[in-house]
Amino acid sequence: MIVVVAVVLAVLLGAFILIPRHPKSGRTKNDQSNAKHSKGAKVYGKTEISSHNKRTDCWIIIKDKVYDVTSYVEEHPGGDAILSHAGDDSTEGFYGPQHATRVFDMIEDFYIGDLEK
């Protein structure tokens, strides 16, 4: 029995070590996110962002980063709640207790630039 457990653990550990962190570059998802947020990112002013305040054109600000979530509006589990801060700062709502931790990874897919300081 101990031998079987040891073999299973060895296989799992070996797979963990041999599987690359990211299939294309060896980087983690967070490394990619940080690369997206580099100094070459597009910068948007509040006036421009505020014009994207509809179901069919929805941008939000989270911690001074701008996200185009238009394609996600219809899929949002909270229904139209996502539209309550469309074109505006959504940081407080985003970090609310209603969100599972996976949204912190998902939001990076919608990143388009930074808020003008």
PDB file of N, CA and C in Angstrom:
ATOM      1  N   MET A   1       0.831  -1.200   0.000  1.00  0.00           N
ATOM      2  CA  MET A   1       0.000   0.000   0.000  1.00  0.00           C
ATOM      3  C   MET A   1       0.872   1.259   0.000  1.00  0.00           C
ATOM      4  N   ILE A   2       1.901   1.265   0.811  1.00  0.00           N
ATOM      5  CA  ILE A   2       2.788   2.423   0.896  1.00  0.00           C
ATOM      6  C   ILE A   2       3.510   2.638  -0.432  1.00  0.00           C
ATOM      7  N   VAL A   3       3.870   1.556  -1.085  1.00  0.00           N
ATOM      8  CA  VAL A   3       4.561   1.643  -2.371  1.00  0.00           C
ATOM      9  C   VAL A   3       3.642   2.286  -3.414  1.00  0.00           C
ATOM     10  N   VAL A   4       2.378   1.913  -3.440  1.00  0.00           N
ATOM     11  CA  VAL A   4       1.407   2.471  -4.391  1.00  0.00           C
ATOM     12  C   VAL A   4       1.253   3.968  -4.156  1.00  0.00           C
ATOM     13  N   VAL A   5       1.105   4.378  -2.920  1.00  0.00           N
ATOM     14  CA  VAL A   5       0.967   5.800  -2.582  1.00  0.00           C
ATOM     15  C   VAL A   5       2.220   6.559  -3.002  1.00  0.00           C
ATOM     16  N   ALA A   6       3.391   5.976  -2.745  1.00  0.00           N
ATOM     17  CA  ALA A   6       4.650   6.623  -3.115  1.00  0.00           C
ATOM     18  C   ALA A   6       4.762   6.780  -4.627  1.00  0.00           C
ATOM     19  N   VAL A   7       4.352   5.771  -5.383  1.00  0.00           N
ATOM     20  CA  VAL A   7       4.405   5.849  -6.855  1.00  0.00           C
ATOM     21  C   VAL A   7       3.448   6.928  -7.364  1.00  0.00           C
ATOM     22  N   VAL A   8       2.234   6.967  -6.825  1.00  0.00           N
ATOM     23  CA  VAL A   8       1.254   7.979  -7.244  1.00  0.00           C
ATOM     24  C   VAL A   8       1.780   9.382  -6.940  1.00  0.00           C
ATOM     25  N   LEU A   9       2.320   9.585  -5.763  1.00  0.00           N
ATOM     26  CA  LEU A   9       2.878  10.896  -5.407  1.00  0.00           C
ATOM     27  C   LEU A   9       4.046  11.266  -6.309  1.00  0.00           C
ATOM     28  N   ALA A  10       4.894  10.286  -6.626  1.00  0.00           N
ATOM     29  CA  ALA A  10       6.028  10.552  -7.511  1.00  0.00           C
ATOM     30  C   ALA A  10       5.561  10.965  -8.904  1.00  0.00           C
ATOM     31  N   VAL A  11       4.546  10.289  -9.421  1.00  0.00           N
ATOM     32  CA  VAL A  11       4.000  10.631 -10.743  1.00  0.00           C
ATOM     33  C   VAL A  11       3.409  12.036 -10.726  1.00  0.00           C
ATOM     34  N   LEU A  12       2.631  12.347  -9.709  1.00  0.00           N
ATOM     35  CA  LEU A  12       2.028  13.682  -9.613  1.00  0.00           C
ATOM     36  C   LEU A  12       3.090  14.765  -9.482  1.00  0.00           C
ATOM     37  N   LEU A  13       4.068  14.538  -8.652  1.00  0.00           N
ATOM     38  CA  LEU A  13       5.151  15.502  -8.490  1.00  0.00           C
ATOM     39  C   LEU A  13       5.928  15.672  -9.788  1.00  0.00           C
ATOM     40  N   GLY A  14       6.217  14.562 -10.463  1.00  0.00           N
ATOM     41  CA  GLY A  14       6.918  14.629 -11.741  1.00  0.00           C
ATOM     42  C   GLY A  14       6.132  15.409 -12.780  1.00  0.00           C
ATOM     43  N   ALA A  15       4.825  15.187 -12.826  1.00  0.00           N
ATOM     44  CA  ALA A  15       3.985  15.924 -13.778  1.00  0.00           C
ATOM     45  C   ALA A  15       3.976  17.403 -13.442  1.00  0.00           C
ATOM     46  N   PHE A  16       3.924  17.723 -12.186  1.00  0.00           N
ATOM     47  CA  PHE A  16       3.909  19.126 -11.757  1.00  0.00           C
ATOM     48  C   PHE A  16       5.192  19.838 -12.170  1.00  0.00           C
ATOM     49  N   ILE A  17       6.308  19.149 -12.037  1.00  0.00           N
ATOM     50  CA  ILE A  17       7.606  19.741 -12.375  1.00  0.00           C
ATOM     51  C   ILE A  17       7.794  19.831 -13.888  1.00  0.00           C
ATOM     52  N   LEU A  18       7.315  18.838 -14.619  1.00  0.00           N
ATOM     53  CA  LEU A  18       7.551  18.787 -16.061  1.00  0.00           C
ATOM     54  C   LEU A  18       6.604  19.650 -16.883  1.00  0.00           C
ATOM     55  N   ILE A  19       5.434  19.960 -16.350  1.00  0.00           N
ATOM     56  CA  ILE A  19       4.471  20.767 -17.090  1.00  0.00           C
ATOM     57  C   ILE A  19       4.913  22.226 -17.028  1.00  0.00           C
ATOM     58  N   PRO A  20       5.088  22.874 -18.180  1.00  0.00           N
ATOM     59  CA  PRO A  20       5.518  24.276 -18.170  1.00  0.00           C
ATOM     60  C   PRO A  20       4.445  25.166 -17.548  1.00  0.00           C
ATOM     61  N   ARG A  21       4.904  26.265 -16.974  1.00  0.00           N
ATOM     62  CA  ARG A  21       3.973  27.176 -16.326  1.00  0.00           C
ATOM     63  C   ARG A  21       3.033  27.822 -17.324  1.00  0.00           C
ATOM     64  N   HIS A  22       3.496  28.108 -18.494  1.00  0.00           N
ATOM     65  CA  HIS A  22       2.664  28.660 -19.561  1.00  0.00           C
ATOM     66  C   HIS A  22       3.103  27.985 -20.839  1.00  0.00           C
ATOM     67  N   PRO A  23       2.154  27.419 -21.590  1.00  0.00           N
ATOM     68  CA  PRO A  23       2.522  26.601 -22.740  1.00  0.00           C
ATOM     69  C   PRO A  23       3.342  27.311 -23.802  1.00  0.00           C
ATOM     70  N   LYS A  24       3.222  28.601 -23.972  1.00  0.00           N
ATOM     71  CA  LYS A  24       3.917  29.273 -25.060  1.00  0.00           C
ATOM     72  C   LYS A  24       5.238  29.902 -24.632  1.00  0.00           C
ATOM     73  N   SER A  25       5.296  30.398 -23.410  1.00  0.00           N
ATOM     74  CA  SER A  25       6.477  31.165 -23.063  1.00  0.00           C
ATOM     75  C   SER A  25       7.126  30.764 -21.751  1.00  0.00           C
ATOM     76  N   GLY A  26       6.510  29.885 -21.001  1.00  0.00           N
ATOM     77  CA  GLY A  26       7.062  29.545 -19.703  1.00  0.00           C
ATOM     78  C   GLY A  26       6.727  30.565 -18.636  1.00  0.00           C
ATOM     79  N   ARG A  27       5.961  31.574 -18.994  1.00  0.00           N
ATOM     80  CA  ARG A  27       5.580  32.603 -18.026  1.00  0.00           C
ATOM     81  C   ARG A  27       4.247  32.255 -17.395  1.00  0.00           C
ATOM     82  N   THR A  28       4.030  32.747 -16.209  1.00  0.00           N
ATOM     83  CA  THR A  28       2.751  32.550 -15.548  1.00  0.00           C
ATOM     84  C   THR A  28       1.754  33.557 -16.086  1.00  0.00           C
ATOM     85  N   LYS A  29       0.479  33.345 -15.764  1.00  0.00           N
ATOM     86  CA  LYS A  29      -0.557  34.268 -16.202  1.00  0.00           C
ATOM     87  C   LYS A  29      -0.311  35.660 -15.629  1.00  0.00           C
ATOM     88  N   ASN A  30       0.149  35.746 -14.383  1.00  0.00           N
ATOM     89  CA  ASN A  30       0.425  37.047 -13.792  1.00  0.00           C
ATOM     90  C   ASN A  30       1.557  37.755 -14.512  1.00  0.00           C
ATOM     91  N   ASP A  31       2.555  37.009 -14.967  1.00  0.00           N
ATOM     92  CA  ASP A  31       3.623  37.617 -15.748  1.00  0.00           C
ATOM     93  C   ASP A  31       3.063  38.240 -17.014  1.00  0.00           C
ATOM     94  N   GLN A  32       2.135  37.545 -17.660  1.00  0.00           N
ATOM     95  CA  GLN A  32       1.518  38.081 -18.872  1.00  0.00           C
ATOM     96  C   GLN A  32       0.710  39.326 -18.551  1.00  0.00           C
ATOM     97  N   SER A  33      -0.038  39.310 -17.456  1.00  0.00           N
ATOM     98  CA  SER A  33      -0.850  40.454 -17.081  1.00  0.00           C
ATOM     99  C   SER A  33       0.024  41.671 -16.859  1.00  0.00           C
ATOM    100  N   ASN A  34       1.138  41.478 -16.168  1.00  0.00           N
ATOM    101  CA  ASN A  34       2.039  42.589 -15.916  1.00  0.00           C
ATOM    102  C   ASN A  34       2.631  43.108 -17.214  1.00  0.00           C
ATOM    103  N   ALA A  35       2.882  42.238 -18.165  1.00  0.00           N
ATOM    104  CA  ALA A  35       3.400  42.663 -19.458  1.00  0.00           C
ATOM    105  C   ALA A  35       2.368  43.511 -20.192  1.00  0.00           C
ATOM    106  N   LYS A  36       1.095  43.144 -20.080  1.00  0.00           N
ATOM    107  CA  LYS A  36       0.039  43.912 -20.724  1.00  0.00           C
ATOM    108  C   LYS A  36      -0.043  45.316 -20.148  1.00  0.00           C
ATOM    109  N   HIS A  37       0.277  45.459 -18.871  1.00  0.00           N
ATOM    110  CA  HIS A  37       0.153  46.727 -18.177  1.00  0.00           C
ATOM    111  C   HIS A  37       1.465  47.518 -18.220  1.00  0.00           C
ATOM    112  N   SER A  38       2.208  47.342 -19.269  1.00  0.00           N
ATOM    113  CA  SER A  38       3.494  48.019 -19.383  1.00  0.00           C
ATOM    114  C   SER A  38       3.311  49.484 -19.739  1.00  0.00           C
ATOM    115  N   LYS A  39       4.429  50.197 -19.790  1.00  0.00           N
ATOM    116  CA  LYS A  39       4.362  51.630 -20.052  1.00  0.00           C
ATOM    117  C   LYS A  39       3.864  51.950 -21.455  1.00  0.00           C
ATOM    118  N   GLY A  40       3.755  50.964 -22.343  1.00  0.00           N
ATOM    119  CA  GLY A  40       3.255  51.186 -23.688  1.00  0.00           C
ATOM    120  C   GLY A  40       1.738  51.085 -23.791  1.00  0.00           C
ATOM    121  N   ALA A  41       1.064  50.948 -22.653  1.00  0.00           N
ATOM    122  CA  ALA A  41      -0.387  50.785 -22.653  1.00  0.00           C
ATOM    123  C   ALA A  41      -1.066  52.076 -23.112  1.00  0.00           C
ATOM    124  N   LYS A  42      -2.203  51.927 -23.758  1.00  0.00           N
ATOM    125  CA  LYS A  42      -2.987  53.082 -24.190  1.00  0.00           C
ATOM    126  C   LYS A  42      -3.577  53.757 -22.954  1.00  0.00           C
ATOM    127  N   VAL A  43      -3.697  55.072 -22.994  1.00  0.00           N
ATOM    128  CA  VAL A  43      -4.212  55.842 -21.865  1.00  0.00           C
ATOM    129  C   VAL A  43      -5.522  56.491 -22.281  1.00  0.00           C
ATOM    130  N   TYR A  44      -6.543  56.373 -21.420  1.00  0.00           N
ATOM    131  CA  TYR A  44      -7.866  56.919 -21.697  1.00  0.00           C
ATOM    132  C   TYR A  44      -8.259  57.918 -20.611  1.00  0.00           C
ATOM    133  N   GLY A  45      -8.885  59.017 -21.032  1.00  0.00           N
ATOM    134  CA  GLY A  45      -9.394  59.999 -20.094  1.00  0.00           C
ATOM    135  C   GLY A  45     -10.800  59.626 -19.643  1.00  0.00           C
ATOM    136  N   LYS A  46     -11.210  60.181 -18.490  1.00  0.00           N
ATOM    137  CA  LYS A  46     -12.547  59.885 -17.949  1.00  0.00           C
ATOM    138  C   LYS A  46     -13.651  60.276 -18.920  1.00  0.00           C
ATOM    139  N   THR A  47     -13.473  61.349 -19.661  1.00  0.00           N
ATOM    140  CA  THR A  47     -14.495  61.784 -20.602  1.00  0.00           C
ATOM    141  C   THR A  47     -14.715  60.741 -21.687  1.00  0.00           C
ATOM    142  N   GLU A  48     -13.647  60.235 -22.239  1.00  0.00           N
ATOM    143  CA  GLU A  48     -13.770  59.201 -23.276  1.00  0.00           C
ATOM    144  C   GLU A  48     -14.395  57.931 -22.705  1.00  0.00           C
ATOM    145  N   ILE A  49     -13.955  57.522 -21.536  1.00  0.00           N
ATOM    146  CA  ILE A  49     -14.478  56.305 -20.904  1.00  0.00           C
ATOM    147  C   ILE A  49     -15.969  56.454 -20.619  1.00  0.00           C
ATOM    148  N   SER A  50     -16.381  57.620 -20.163  1.00  0.00           N
ATOM    149  CA  SER A  50     -17.787  57.833 -19.793  1.00  0.00           C
ATOM    150  C   SER A  50     -18.742  57.686 -20.970  1.00  0.00           C
ATOM    151  N   SER A  51     -18.248  57.823 -22.194  1.00  0.00           N
ATOM    152  CA  SER A  51     -19.116  57.671 -23.367  1.00  0.00           C
ATOM    153  C   SER A  51     -19.409  56.201 -23.682  1.00  0.00           C
ATOM    154  N   HIS A  52     -18.705  55.305 -23.041  1.00  0.00           N
ATOM    155  CA  HIS A  52     -18.889  53.860 -23.249  1.00  0.00           C
ATOM    156  C   HIS A  52     -19.727  53.307 -22.098  1.00  0.00           C
ATOM    157  N   ASN A  53     -20.978  53.716 -22.048  1.00  0.00           N
ATOM    158  CA  ASN A  53     -21.827  53.439 -20.884  1.00  0.00           C
ATOM    159  C   ASN A  53     -23.123  52.704 -21.220  1.00  0.00           C
ATOM    160  N   LYS A  54     -23.069  51.899 -22.273  1.00  0.00           N
ATOM    161  CA  LYS A  54     -24.275  51.175 -22.707  1.00  0.00           C
ATOM    162  C   LYS A  54     -24.029  49.671 -22.735  1.00  0.00           C
ATOM    163  N   ARG A  55     -25.097  48.932 -22.785  1.00  0.00           N
ATOM    164  CA  ARG A  55     -25.024  47.470 -22.881  1.00  0.00           C
ATOM    165  C   ARG A  55     -24.201  47.046 -24.101  1.00  0.00           C
ATOM    166  N   THR A  56     -24.322  47.782 -25.194  1.00  0.00           N
ATOM    167  CA  THR A  56     -23.631  47.434 -26.435  1.00  0.00           C
ATOM    168  C   THR A  56     -22.256  48.089 -26.568  1.00  0.00           C
ATOM    169  N   ASP A  57     -21.853  48.835 -25.560  1.00  0.00           N
ATOM    170  CA  ASP A  57     -20.562  49.527 -25.551  1.00  0.00           C
ATOM    171  C   ASP A  57     -20.235  49.867 -24.100  1.00  0.00           C
ATOM    172  N   CYS A  58     -19.624  48.924 -23.404  1.00  0.00           N
ATOM    173  CA  CYS A  58     -19.455  49.029 -21.953  1.00  0.00           C
ATOM    174  C   CYS A  58     -17.991  48.932 -21.532  1.00  0.00           C
ATOM    175  N   TRP A  59     -17.468  50.065 -21.047  1.00  0.00           N
ATOM    176  CA  TRP A  59     -16.131  50.092 -20.484  1.00  0.00           C
ATOM    177  C   TRP A  59     -16.259  50.363 -18.996  1.00  0.00           C
ATOM    178  N   ILE A  60     -15.345  49.814 -18.217  1.00  0.00           N
ATOM    179  CA  ILE A  60     -15.317  50.104 -16.789  1.00  0.00           C
ATOM    180  C   ILE A  60     -13.878  50.369 -16.349  1.00  0.00           C
ATOM    181  N   ILE A  61     -13.755  51.039 -15.214  1.00  0.00           N
ATOM    182  CA  ILE A  61     -12.445  51.316 -14.620  1.00  0.00           C
ATOM    183  C   ILE A  61     -12.345  50.492 -13.339  1.00  0.00           C
ATOM    184  N   ILE A  62     -11.224  49.804 -13.188  1.00  0.00           N
ATOM    185  CA  ILE A  62     -10.942  49.073 -11.955  1.00  0.00           C
ATOM    186  C   ILE A  62      -9.499  49.377 -11.579  1.00  0.00           C
ATOM    187  N   LYS A  63      -9.341  50.034 -10.450  1.00  0.00           N
ATOM    188  CA  LYS A  63      -8.004  50.403  -9.957  1.00  0.00           C
ATOM    189  C   LYS A  63      -7.174  51.086 -11.045  1.00  0.00           C
ATOM    190  N   ASP A  64      -7.731  52.110 -11.651  1.00  0.00           N
ATOM    191  CA  ASP A  64      -7.048  52.921 -12.658  1.00  0.00           C
ATOM    192  C   ASP A  64      -6.666  52.169 -13.937  1.00  0.00           C
ATOM    193  N   LYS A  65      -7.276  51.026 -14.157  1.00  0.00           N
ATOM    194  CA  LYS A  65      -7.114  50.280 -15.402  1.00  0.00           C
ATOM    195  C   LYS A  65      -8.456  50.284 -16.117  1.00  0.00           C
ATOM    196  N   VAL A  66      -8.425  50.317 -17.451  1.00  0.00           N
ATOM    197  CA  VAL A  66      -9.646  50.397 -18.246  1.00  0.00           C
ATOM    198  C   VAL A  66      -9.897  49.051 -18.917  1.00  0.00           C
ATOM    199  N   TYR A  67     -11.153  48.613 -18.839  1.00  0.00           N
ATOM    200  CA  TYR A  67     -11.544  47.311 -19.386  1.00  0.00           C
ATOM    201  C   TYR A  67     -12.778  47.475 -20.271  1.00  0.00           C
ATOM    202  N   ASP A  68     -12.743  46.897 -21.451  1.00  0.00           N
ATOM    203  CA  ASP A  68     -13.900  46.865 -22.346  1.00  0.00           C
ATOM    204  C   ASP A  68     -14.606  45.538 -22.098  1.00  0.00           C
ATOM    205  N   VAL A  69     -15.705  45.592 -21.336  1.00  0.00           N
ATOM    206  CA  VAL A  69     -16.428  44.372 -20.953  1.00  0.00           C
ATOM    207  C   VAL A  69     -17.696  44.168 -21.780  1.00  0.00           C
ATOM    208  N   THR A  70     -17.794  44.856 -22.895  1.00  0.00           N
ATOM    209  CA  THR A  70     -18.985  44.780 -23.740  1.00  0.00           C
ATOM    210  C   THR A  70     -19.364  43.335 -24.058  1.00  0.00           C
ATOM    211  N   SER A  71     -18.395  42.539 -24.434  1.00  0.00           N
ATOM    212  CA  SER A  71     -18.694  41.153 -24.813  1.00  0.00           C
ATOM    213  C   SER A  71     -19.105  40.292 -23.622  1.00  0.00           C
ATOM    214  N   TYR A  72     -18.916  40.776 -22.420  1.00  0.00           N
ATOM    215  CA  TYR A  72     -19.239  40.009 -21.222  1.00  0.00           C
ATOM    216  C   TYR A  72     -20.568  40.411 -20.588  1.00  0.00           C
ATOM    217  N   VAL A  73     -21.112  41.545 -20.972  1.00  0.00           N
ATOM    218  CA  VAL A  73     -22.331  42.072 -20.342  1.00  0.00           C
ATOM    219  C   VAL A  73     -23.457  41.043 -20.313  1.00  0.00           C
ATOM    220  N   GLU A  74     -23.725  40.395 -21.422  1.00  0.00           N
ATOM    221  CA  GLU A  74     -24.829  39.427 -21.489  1.00  0.00           C
ATOM    222  C   GLU A  74     -24.550  38.159 -20.678  1.00  0.00           C
ATOM    223  N   GLU A  75     -23.281  37.849 -20.434  1.00  0.00           N
ATOM    224  CA  GLU A  75     -22.910  36.644 -19.690  1.00  0.00           C
ATOM    225  C   GLU A  75     -22.783  36.902 -18.193  1.00  0.00           C
ATOM    226  N   HIS A  76     -22.770  38.155 -17.787  1.00  0.00           N
ATOM    227  CA  HIS A  76     -22.527  38.510 -16.390  1.00  0.00           C
ATOM    228  C   HIS A  76     -23.543  37.836 -15.473  1.00  0.00           C
ATOM    229  N   PRO A  77     -23.080  37.004 -14.539  1.00  0.00           N
ATOM    230  CA  PRO A  77     -24.002  36.288 -13.649  1.00  0.00           C
ATOM    231  C   PRO A  77     -24.875  37.206 -12.800  1.00  0.00           C
ATOM    232  N   GLY A  78     -24.406  38.428 -12.569  1.00  0.00           N
ATOM    233  CA  GLY A  78     -25.171  39.385 -11.771  1.00  0.00           C
ATOM    234  C   GLY A  78     -26.130  40.209 -12.615  1.00  0.00           C
ATOM    235  N   GLY A  79     -26.378  39.760 -13.839  1.00  0.00           N
ATOM    236  CA  GLY A  79     -27.307  40.471 -14.719  1.00  0.00           C
ATOM    237  C   GLY A  79     -26.825  41.878 -15.045  1.00  0.00           C
ATOM    238  N   ASP A  80     -27.740  42.818 -14.973  1.00  0.00           N
ATOM    239  CA  ASP A  80     -27.427  44.200 -15.352  1.00  0.00           C
ATOM    240  C   ASP A  80     -26.618  44.960 -14.314  1.00  0.00           C
ATOM    241  N   ALA A  81     -26.260  44.321 -13.214  1.00  0.00           N
ATOM    242  CA  ALA A  81     -25.459  44.996 -12.186  1.00  0.00           C
ATOM    243  C   ALA A  81     -24.159  45.536 -12.771  1.00  0.00           C
ATOM    244  N   ILE A  82     -23.638  44.861 -13.754  1.00  0.00           N
ATOM    245  CA  ILE A  82     -22.396  45.301 -14.384  1.00  0.00           C
ATOM    246  C   ILE A  82     -22.571  46.668 -15.063  1.00  0.00           C
ATOM    247  N   LEU A  83     -23.798  46.980 -15.439  1.00  0.00           N
ATOM    248  CA  LEU A  83     -24.065  48.243 -16.123  1.00  0.00           C
ATOM    249  C   LEU A  83     -24.213  49.428 -15.162  1.00  0.00           C
ATOM    250  N   SER A  84     -24.313  49.160 -13.869  1.00  0.00           N
ATOM    251  CA  SER A  84     -24.535  50.254 -12.914  1.00  0.00           C
ATOM    252  C   SER A  84     -23.359  51.229 -12.872  1.00  0.00           C
ATOM    253  N   HIS A  85     -22.183  50.779 -13.272  1.00  0.00           N
ATOM    254  CA  HIS A  85     -21.023  51.675 -13.320  1.00  0.00           C
ATOM    255  C   HIS A  85     -20.392  51.686 -14.703  1.00  0.00           C
ATOM    256  N   ALA A  86     -21.184  51.400 -15.718  1.00  0.00           N
ATOM    257  CA  ALA A  86     -20.678  51.421 -17.091  1.00  0.00           C
ATOM    258  C   ALA A  86     -20.156  52.815 -17.413  1.00  0.00           C
ATOM    259  N   GLY A  87     -18.967  52.890 -17.969  1.00  0.00           N
ATOM    260  CA  GLY A  87     -18.369  54.170 -18.304  1.00  0.00           C
ATOM    261  C   GLY A  87     -17.808  54.895 -17.095  1.00  0.00           C
ATOM    262  N   ASP A  88     -17.668  54.192 -15.990  1.00  0.00           N
ATOM    263  CA  ASP A  88     -17.244  54.837 -14.745  1.00  0.00           C
ATOM    264  C   ASP A  88     -16.392  53.869 -13.922  1.00  0.00           C
ATOM    265  N   ASP A  89     -16.018  54.304 -12.719  1.00  0.00           N
ATOM    266  CA  ASP A  89     -15.204  53.478 -11.836  1.00  0.00           C
ATOM    267  C   ASP A  89     -16.040  52.372 -11.210  1.00  0.00           C
ATOM    268  N   SER A  90     -15.603  51.152 -11.397  1.00  0.00           N
ATOM    269  CA  SER A  90     -16.319  49.979 -10.917  1.00  0.00           C
ATOM    270  C   SER A  90     -15.503  49.211  -9.876  1.00  0.00           C
ATOM    271  N   THR A  91     -14.464  49.852  -9.343  1.00  0.00           N
ATOM    272  CA  THR A  91     -13.549  49.183  -8.421  1.00  0.00           C
ATOM    273  C   THR A  91     -14.269  48.618  -7.204  1.00  0.00           C
ATOM    274  N   GLU A  92     -15.075  49.426  -6.561  1.00  0.00           N
ATOM    275  CA  GLU A  92     -15.747  48.986  -5.336  1.00  0.00           C
ATOM    276  C   GLU A  92     -16.657  47.784  -5.591  1.00  0.00           C
ATOM    277  N   GLY A  93     -17.444  47.840  -6.634  1.00  0.00           N
ATOM    278  CA  GLY A  93     -18.327  46.725  -6.969  1.00  0.00           C
ATOM    279  C   GLY A  93     -17.564  45.482  -7.377  1.00  0.00           C
ATOM    280  N   PHE A  94     -16.478  45.671  -8.095  1.00  0.00           N
ATOM    281  CA  PHE A  94     -15.678  44.538  -8.555  1.00  0.00           C
ATOM    282  C   PHE A  94     -15.093  43.760  -7.382  1.00  0.00           C
ATOM    283  N   TYR A  95     -14.651  44.464  -6.360  1.00  0.00           N
ATOM    284  CA  TYR A  95     -14.045  43.811  -5.206  1.00  0.00           C
ATOM    285  C   TYR A  95     -15.074  43.462  -4.124  1.00  0.00           C
ATOM    286  N   GLY A  96     -16.349  43.495  -4.458  1.00  0.00           N
ATOM    287  CA  GLY A  96     -17.404  43.141  -3.516  1.00  0.00           C
ATOM    288  C   GLY A  96     -17.435  41.652  -3.222  1.00  0.00           C
ATOM    289  N   PRO A  97     -18.144  41.279  -2.158  1.00  0.00           N
ATOM    290  CA  PRO A  97     -18.183  39.885  -1.725  1.00  0.00           C
ATOM    291  C   PRO A  97     -18.915  38.944  -2.692  1.00  0.00           C
ATOM    292  N   GLN A  98     -19.642  39.486  -3.641  1.00  0.00           N
ATOM    293  CA  GLN A  98     -20.404  38.661  -4.577  1.00  0.00           C
ATOM    294  C   GLN A  98     -19.536  37.997  -5.633  1.00  0.00           C
ATOM    295  N   HIS A  99     -18.304  38.442  -5.789  1.00  0.00           N
ATOM    296  CA  HIS A  99     -17.437  37.901  -6.832  1.00  0.00           C
ATOM    297  C   HIS A  99     -16.529  36.796  -6.315  1.00  0.00           C
ATOM    298  N   ALA A 100     -16.471  35.715  -7.070  1.00  0.00           N
ATOM    299  CA  ALA A 100     -15.525  34.638  -6.776  1.00  0.00           C
ATOM    300  C   ALA A 100     -14.128  35.103  -7.182  1.00  0.00           C
ATOM    301  N   THR A 101     -13.122  34.478  -6.644  1.00  0.00           N
ATOM    302  CA  THR A 101     -11.751  34.905  -6.930  1.00  0.00           C
ATOM    303  C   THR A 101     -11.370  34.734  -8.397  1.00  0.00           C
ATOM    304  N   ARG A 102     -12.066  33.906  -9.137  1.00  0.00           N
ATOM    305  CA  ARG A 102     -11.714  33.704 -10.554  1.00  0.00           C
ATOM    306  C   ARG A 102     -11.917  34.965 -11.394  1.00  0.00           C
ATOM    307  N   VAL A 103     -12.744  35.903 -10.933  1.00  0.00           N
ATOM    308  CA  VAL A 103     -12.945  37.127 -11.710  1.00  0.00           C
ATOM    309  C   VAL A 103     -11.671  37.947 -11.794  1.00  0.00           C
ATOM    310  N   PHE A 104     -10.771  37.780 -10.826  1.00  0.00           N
ATOM    311  CA  PHE A 104      -9.525  38.536 -10.850  1.00  0.00           C
ATOM    312  C   PHE A 104      -8.636  38.091 -12.007  1.00  0.00           C
ATOM    313  N   ASP A 105      -8.745  36.837 -12.401  1.00  0.00           N
ATOM    314  CA  ASP A 105      -8.018  36.353 -13.574  1.00  0.00           C
ATOM    315  C   ASP A 105      -8.783  36.685 -14.853  1.00  0.00           C
ATOM    316  N   MET A 106     -10.098  36.551 -14.816  1.00  0.00           N
ATOM    317  CA  MET A 106     -10.924  36.779 -16.005  1.00  0.00           C
ATOM    318  C   MET A 106     -10.836  38.212 -16.508  1.00  0.00           C
ATOM    319  N   ILE A 107     -10.776  39.172 -15.607  1.00  0.00           N
ATOM    320  CA  ILE A 107     -10.851  40.580 -16.006  1.00  0.00           C
ATOM    321  C   ILE A 107      -9.688  40.969 -16.916  1.00  0.00           C
ATOM    322  N   GLU A 108      -8.564  40.309 -16.772  1.00  0.00           N
ATOM    323  CA  GLU A 108      -7.400  40.655 -17.586  1.00  0.00           C
ATOM    324  C   GLU A 108      -7.643  40.465 -19.081  1.00  0.00           C
ATOM    325  N   ASP A 109      -8.556  39.585 -19.434  1.00  0.00           N
ATOM    326  CA  ASP A 109      -8.883  39.377 -20.849  1.00  0.00           C
ATOM    327  C   ASP A 109      -9.533  40.598 -21.473  1.00  0.00           C
ATOM    328  N   PHE A 110     -10.048  41.499 -20.654  1.00  0.00           N
ATOM    329  CA  PHE A 110     -10.787  42.658 -21.144  1.00  0.00           C
ATOM    330  C   PHE A 110      -9.982  43.964 -21.041  1.00  0.00           C
ATOM    331  N   TYR A 111      -8.773  43.883 -20.556  1.00  0.00           N
ATOM    332  CA  TYR A 111      -7.925  45.065 -20.361  1.00  0.00           C
ATOM    333  C   TYR A 111      -7.617  45.747 -21.695  1.00  0.00           C
ATOM    334  N   ILE A 112      -7.820  47.081 -21.738  1.00  0.00           N
ATOM    335  CA  ILE A 112      -7.511  47.823 -22.959  1.00  0.00           C
ATOM    336  C   ILE A 112      -6.566  48.991 -22.723  1.00  0.00           C
ATOM    337  N   GLY A 113      -6.352  49.388 -21.468  1.00  0.00           N
ATOM    338  CA  GLY A 113      -5.439  50.492 -21.211  1.00  0.00           C
ATOM    339  C   GLY A 113      -5.552  50.998 -19.791  1.00  0.00           C
ATOM    340  N   ASP A 114      -4.940  52.164 -19.579  1.00  0.00           N
ATOM    341  CA  ASP A 114      -4.880  52.768 -18.258  1.00  0.00           C
ATOM    342  C   ASP A 114      -5.665  54.068 -18.210  1.00  0.00           C
ATOM    343  N   LEU A 115      -6.116  54.403 -17.010  1.00  0.00           N
ATOM    344  CA  LEU A 115      -6.818  55.665 -16.787  1.00  0.00           C
ATOM    345  C   LEU A 115      -5.805  56.797 -16.751  1.00  0.00           C
ATOM    346  N   GLU A 116      -6.105  57.871 -17.451  1.00  0.00           N
ATOM    347  CA  GLU A 116      -5.252  59.042 -17.463  1.00  0.00           C
ATOM    348  C   GLU A 116      -5.176  59.626 -16.050  1.00  0.00           C
ATOM    349  N   LYS A 117      -4.001  59.946 -15.614  1.00  0.00           N
ATOM    350  CA  LYS A 117      -3.809  60.491 -14.257  1.00  0.00           C
ATOM    351  C   LYS A 117      -4.000  61.978 -14.233  1.00  0.00           C
TER     352      LYS A 117
END
